[in-house]
Amino acid sequence: MFNTVNINPAYRAARYVFSVSALHGNQWVGFDGAPITNSMSFNAPVD
């Protein structure tokens, strides 16, 4: 939801800047086998 490059990678190319994004989600804390989501993306313009 907050990291738009995960939904549409073309979004980063439209900005033409160096950017780094990281996201971490931890649901149902304290329960065994609770889902954890991690996402990281890097982008840099290439001439």
PDB file of N, CA and C in Angstrom:
ATOM      1  N   MET A   1       0.827  -1.187   0.000  1.00  0.00           N
ATOM      2  CA  MET A   1       0.000   0.000   0.000  1.00  0.00           C
ATOM      3  C   MET A   1       0.879   1.262   0.000  1.00  0.00           C
ATOM      4  N   PHE A   2       1.958   1.293   0.774  1.00  0.00           N
ATOM      5  CA  PHE A   2       2.787   2.486   0.863  1.00  0.00           C
ATOM      6  C   PHE A   2       3.983   2.457  -0.078  1.00  0.00           C
ATOM      7  N   ASN A   3       4.391   1.270  -0.523  1.00  0.00           N
ATOM      8  CA  ASN A   3       5.515   1.135  -1.428  1.00  0.00           C
ATOM      9  C   ASN A   3       4.982   0.852  -2.826  1.00  0.00           C
ATOM     10  N   THR A   4       4.741   1.884  -3.586  1.00  0.00           N
ATOM     11  CA  THR A   4       4.071   1.744  -4.888  1.00  0.00           C
ATOM     12  C   THR A   4       4.885   0.967  -5.911  1.00  0.00           C
ATOM     13  N   VAL A   5       6.201   0.859  -5.737  1.00  0.00           N
ATOM     14  CA  VAL A   5       7.017   0.108  -6.691  1.00  0.00           C
ATOM     15  C   VAL A   5       6.693  -1.386  -6.635  1.00  0.00           C
ATOM     16  N   ASN A   6       6.204  -1.892  -5.517  1.00  0.00           N
ATOM     17  CA  ASN A   6       5.790  -3.291  -5.436  1.00  0.00           C
ATOM     18  C   ASN A   6       4.568  -3.558  -6.295  1.00  0.00           C
ATOM     19  N   ILE A   7       3.750  -2.571  -6.491  1.00  0.00           N
ATOM     20  CA  ILE A   7       2.549  -2.715  -7.306  1.00  0.00           C
ATOM     21  C   ILE A   7       2.850  -2.428  -8.768  1.00  0.00           C
ATOM     22  N   ASN A   8       3.632  -1.375  -9.032  1.00  0.00           N
ATOM     23  CA  ASN A   8       3.934  -0.967 -10.400  1.00  0.00           C
ATOM     24  C   ASN A   8       5.384  -0.490 -10.488  1.00  0.00           C
ATOM     25  N   PRO A   9       6.323  -1.350 -10.942  1.00  0.00           N
ATOM     26  CA  PRO A   9       7.735  -0.955 -11.024  1.00  0.00           C
ATOM     27  C   PRO A   9       7.992   0.251 -11.934  1.00  0.00           C
ATOM     28  N   ALA A  10       7.130   0.522 -12.882  1.00  0.00           N
ATOM     29  CA  ALA A  10       7.304   1.660 -13.782  1.00  0.00           C
ATOM     30  C   ALA A  10       7.194   2.991 -13.038  1.00  0.00           C
ATOM     31  N   TYR A  11       6.604   2.990 -11.869  1.00  0.00           N
ATOM     32  CA  TYR A  11       6.478   4.214 -11.065  1.00  0.00           C
ATOM     33  C   TYR A  11       7.845   4.808 -10.754  1.00  0.00           C
ATOM     34  N   ARG A  12       8.829   3.977 -10.436  1.00  0.00           N
ATOM     35  CA  ARG A  12      10.170   4.464 -10.117  1.00  0.00           C
ATOM     36  C   ARG A  12      10.848   5.090 -11.328  1.00  0.00           C
ATOM     37  N   ALA A  13      10.706   4.497 -12.475  1.00  0.00           N
ATOM     38  CA  ALA A  13      11.359   5.005 -13.686  1.00  0.00           C
ATOM     39  C   ALA A  13      10.839   6.389 -14.058  1.00  0.00           C
ATOM     40  N   ALA A  14       9.643   6.702 -13.699  1.00  0.00           N
ATOM     41  CA  ALA A  14       9.040   7.985 -14.050  1.00  0.00           C
ATOM     42  C   ALA A  14       9.662   9.144 -13.257  1.00  0.00           C
ATOM     43  N   ARG A  15      10.280   8.864 -12.122  1.00  0.00           N
ATOM     44  CA  ARG A  15      10.814   9.930 -11.263  1.00  0.00           C
ATOM     45  C   ARG A  15      12.267  10.273 -11.568  1.00  0.00           C
ATOM     46  N   TYR A  16      13.054   9.358 -12.114  1.00  0.00           N
ATOM     47  CA  TYR A  16      14.449   9.559 -12.519  1.00  0.00           C
ATOM     48  C   TYR A  16      15.318  10.111 -11.392  1.00  0.00           C
ATOM     49  N   VAL A  17      15.222   9.517 -10.205  1.00  0.00           N
ATOM     50  CA  VAL A  17      16.045   9.864  -9.054  1.00  0.00           C
ATOM     51  C   VAL A  17      16.490   8.572  -8.353  1.00  0.00           C
ATOM     52  N   PHE A  18      17.559   8.654  -7.539  1.00  0.00           N
ATOM     53  CA  PHE A  18      17.972   7.512  -6.731  1.00  0.00           C
ATOM     54  C   PHE A  18      17.018   7.395  -5.555  1.00  0.00           C
ATOM     55  N   SER A  19      16.519   6.204  -5.302  1.00  0.00           N
ATOM     56  CA  SER A  19      15.625   6.020  -4.161  1.00  0.00           C
ATOM     57  C   SER A  19      15.778   4.619  -3.582  1.00  0.00           C
ATOM     58  N   VAL A  20      15.553   4.526  -2.282  1.00  0.00           N
ATOM     59  CA  VAL A  20      15.596   3.268  -1.551  1.00  0.00           C
ATOM     60  C   VAL A  20      14.328   3.206  -0.705  1.00  0.00           C
ATOM     61  N   SER A  21      13.664   2.067  -0.735  1.00  0.00           N
ATOM     62  CA  SER A  21      12.459   1.877   0.070  1.00  0.00           C
ATOM     63  C   SER A  21      12.554   0.558   0.816  1.00  0.00           C
ATOM     64  N   ALA A  22      12.085   0.542   2.042  1.00  0.00           N
ATOM     65  CA  ALA A  22      12.033  -0.689   2.825  1.00  0.00           C
ATOM     66  C   ALA A  22      10.715  -0.723   3.586  1.00  0.00           C
ATOM     67  N   LEU A  23      10.153  -1.910   3.673  1.00  0.00           N
ATOM     68  CA  LEU A  23       8.876  -2.083   4.360  1.00  0.00           C
ATOM     69  C   LEU A  23       8.939  -3.344   5.206  1.00  0.00           C
ATOM     70  N   HIS A  24       8.385  -3.307   6.399  1.00  0.00           N
ATOM     71  CA  HIS A  24       8.329  -4.478   7.273  1.00  0.00           C
ATOM     72  C   HIS A  24       6.946  -4.544   7.894  1.00  0.00           C
ATOM     73  N   GLY A  25       6.336  -5.696   7.808  1.00  0.00           N
ATOM     74  CA  GLY A  25       5.018  -5.898   8.409  1.00  0.00           C
ATOM     75  C   GLY A  25       5.036  -7.130   9.297  1.00  0.00           C
ATOM     76  N   ASN A  26       4.489  -7.025  10.486  1.00  0.00           N
ATOM     77  CA  ASN A  26       4.449  -8.131  11.433  1.00  0.00           C
ATOM     78  C   ASN A  26       3.036  -8.208  11.996  1.00  0.00           C
ATOM     79  N   GLN A  27       2.311  -9.265  11.641  1.00  0.00           N
ATOM     80  CA  GLN A  27       0.923  -9.402  12.073  1.00  0.00           C
ATOM     81  C   GLN A  27       0.803 -10.451  13.168  1.00  0.00           C
ATOM     82  N   TRP A  28      -0.178 -10.321  13.984  1.00  0.00           N
ATOM     83  CA  TRP A  28      -0.502 -11.282  15.031  1.00  0.00           C
ATOM     84  C   TRP A  28       0.719 -11.573  15.904  1.00  0.00           C
ATOM     85  N   VAL A  29       1.326 -10.547  16.437  1.00  0.00           N
ATOM     86  CA  VAL A  29       2.530 -10.665  17.264  1.00  0.00           C
ATOM     87  C   VAL A  29       2.233 -11.557  18.477  1.00  0.00           C
ATOM     88  N   GLY A  30       3.140 -12.478  18.751  1.00  0.00           N
ATOM     89  CA  GLY A  30       2.989 -13.369  19.894  1.00  0.00           C
ATOM     90  C   GLY A  30       2.429 -14.732  19.538  1.00  0.00           C
ATOM     91  N   PHE A  31       1.916 -14.922  18.328  1.00  0.00           N
ATOM     92  CA  PHE A  31       1.395 -16.205  17.889  1.00  0.00           C
ATOM     93  C   PHE A  31       2.460 -16.955  17.097  1.00  0.00           C
ATOM     94  N   ASP A  32       2.584 -18.254  17.312  1.00  0.00           N
ATOM     95  CA  ASP A  32       3.520 -19.069  16.549  1.00  0.00           C
ATOM     96  C   ASP A  32       3.105 -19.113  15.088  1.00  0.00           C
ATOM     97  N   GLY A  33       4.056 -18.934  14.182  1.00  0.00           N
ATOM     98  CA  GLY A  33       3.777 -18.977  12.748  1.00  0.00           C
ATOM     99  C   GLY A  33       3.089 -17.734  12.208  1.00  0.00           C
ATOM    100  N   ALA A  34       3.109 -16.647  12.963  1.00  0.00           N
ATOM    101  CA  ALA A  34       2.470 -15.397  12.523  1.00  0.00           C
ATOM    102  C   ALA A  34       3.145 -14.887  11.248  1.00  0.00           C
ATOM    103  N   PRO A  35       2.360 -14.329  10.315  1.00  0.00           N
ATOM    104  CA  PRO A  35       2.935 -13.841   9.064  1.00  0.00           C
ATOM    105  C   PRO A  35       3.812 -12.603   9.250  1.00  0.00           C
ATOM    106  N   ILE A  36       4.943 -12.600   8.540  1.00  0.00           N
ATOM    107  CA  ILE A  36       5.860 -11.464   8.519  1.00  0.00           C
ATOM    108  C   ILE A  36       6.143 -11.134   7.057  1.00  0.00           C
ATOM    109  N   THR A  37       6.050  -9.882   6.699  1.00  0.00           N
ATOM    110  CA  THR A  37       6.293  -9.445   5.334  1.00  0.00           C
ATOM    111  C   THR A  37       7.445  -8.445   5.316  1.00  0.00           C
ATOM    112  N   ASN A  38       8.419  -8.674   4.420  1.00  0.00           N
ATOM    113  CA  ASN A  38       9.541  -7.765   4.239  1.00  0.00           C
ATOM    114  C   ASN A  38       9.667  -7.437   2.759  1.00  0.00           C
ATOM    115  N   SER A  39       9.971  -6.196   2.475  1.00  0.00           N
ATOM    116  CA  SER A  39      10.131  -5.760   1.096  1.00  0.00           C
ATOM    117  C   SER A  39      11.188  -4.656   1.047  1.00  0.00           C
ATOM    118  N   MET A  40      12.086  -4.737   0.063  1.00  0.00           N
ATOM    119  CA  MET A  40      13.100  -3.706  -0.090  1.00  0.00           C
ATOM    120  C   MET A  40      13.312  -3.463  -1.575  1.00  0.00           C
ATOM    121  N   SER A  41      13.471  -2.204  -1.954  1.00  0.00           N
ATOM    122  CA  SER A  41      13.711  -1.887  -3.358  1.00  0.00           C
ATOM    123  C   SER A  41      14.719  -0.748  -3.468  1.00  0.00           C
ATOM    124  N   PHE A  42      15.530  -0.825  -4.518  1.00  0.00           N
ATOM    125  CA  PHE A  42      16.526   0.207  -4.837  1.00  0.00           C
ATOM    126  C   PHE A  42      16.297   0.649  -6.268  1.00  0.00           C
ATOM    127  N   ASN A  43      16.502   1.907  -6.541  1.00  0.00           N
ATOM    128  CA  ASN A  43      16.351   2.403  -7.885  1.00  0.00           C
ATOM    129  C   ASN A  43      17.352   3.535  -8.113  1.00  0.00           C
ATOM    130  N   ALA A  44      17.982   3.537  -9.299  1.00  0.00           N
ATOM    131  CA  ALA A  44      18.913   4.603  -9.644  1.00  0.00           C
ATOM    132  C   ALA A  44      18.845   4.838 -11.137  1.00  0.00           C
ATOM    133  N   PRO A  45      18.890   6.089 -11.571  1.00  0.00           N
ATOM    134  CA  PRO A  45      18.882   6.374 -12.998  1.00  0.00           C
ATOM    135  C   PRO A  45      20.211   5.937 -13.643  1.00  0.00           C
ATOM    136  N   VAL A  46      20.138   5.430 -14.844  1.00  0.00           N
ATOM    137  CA  VAL A  46      21.321   5.007 -15.591  1.00  0.00           C
ATOM    138  C   VAL A  46      21.367   5.794 -16.877  1.00  0.00           C
ATOM    139  N   ASP A  47      22.485   6.473 -17.103  1.00  0.00           N
ATOM    140  CA  ASP A  47      22.614   7.253 -18.340  1.00  0.00           C
ATOM    141  C   ASP A  47      23.347   6.479 -19.385  1.00  0.00           C
TER     142      ASP A  47
END
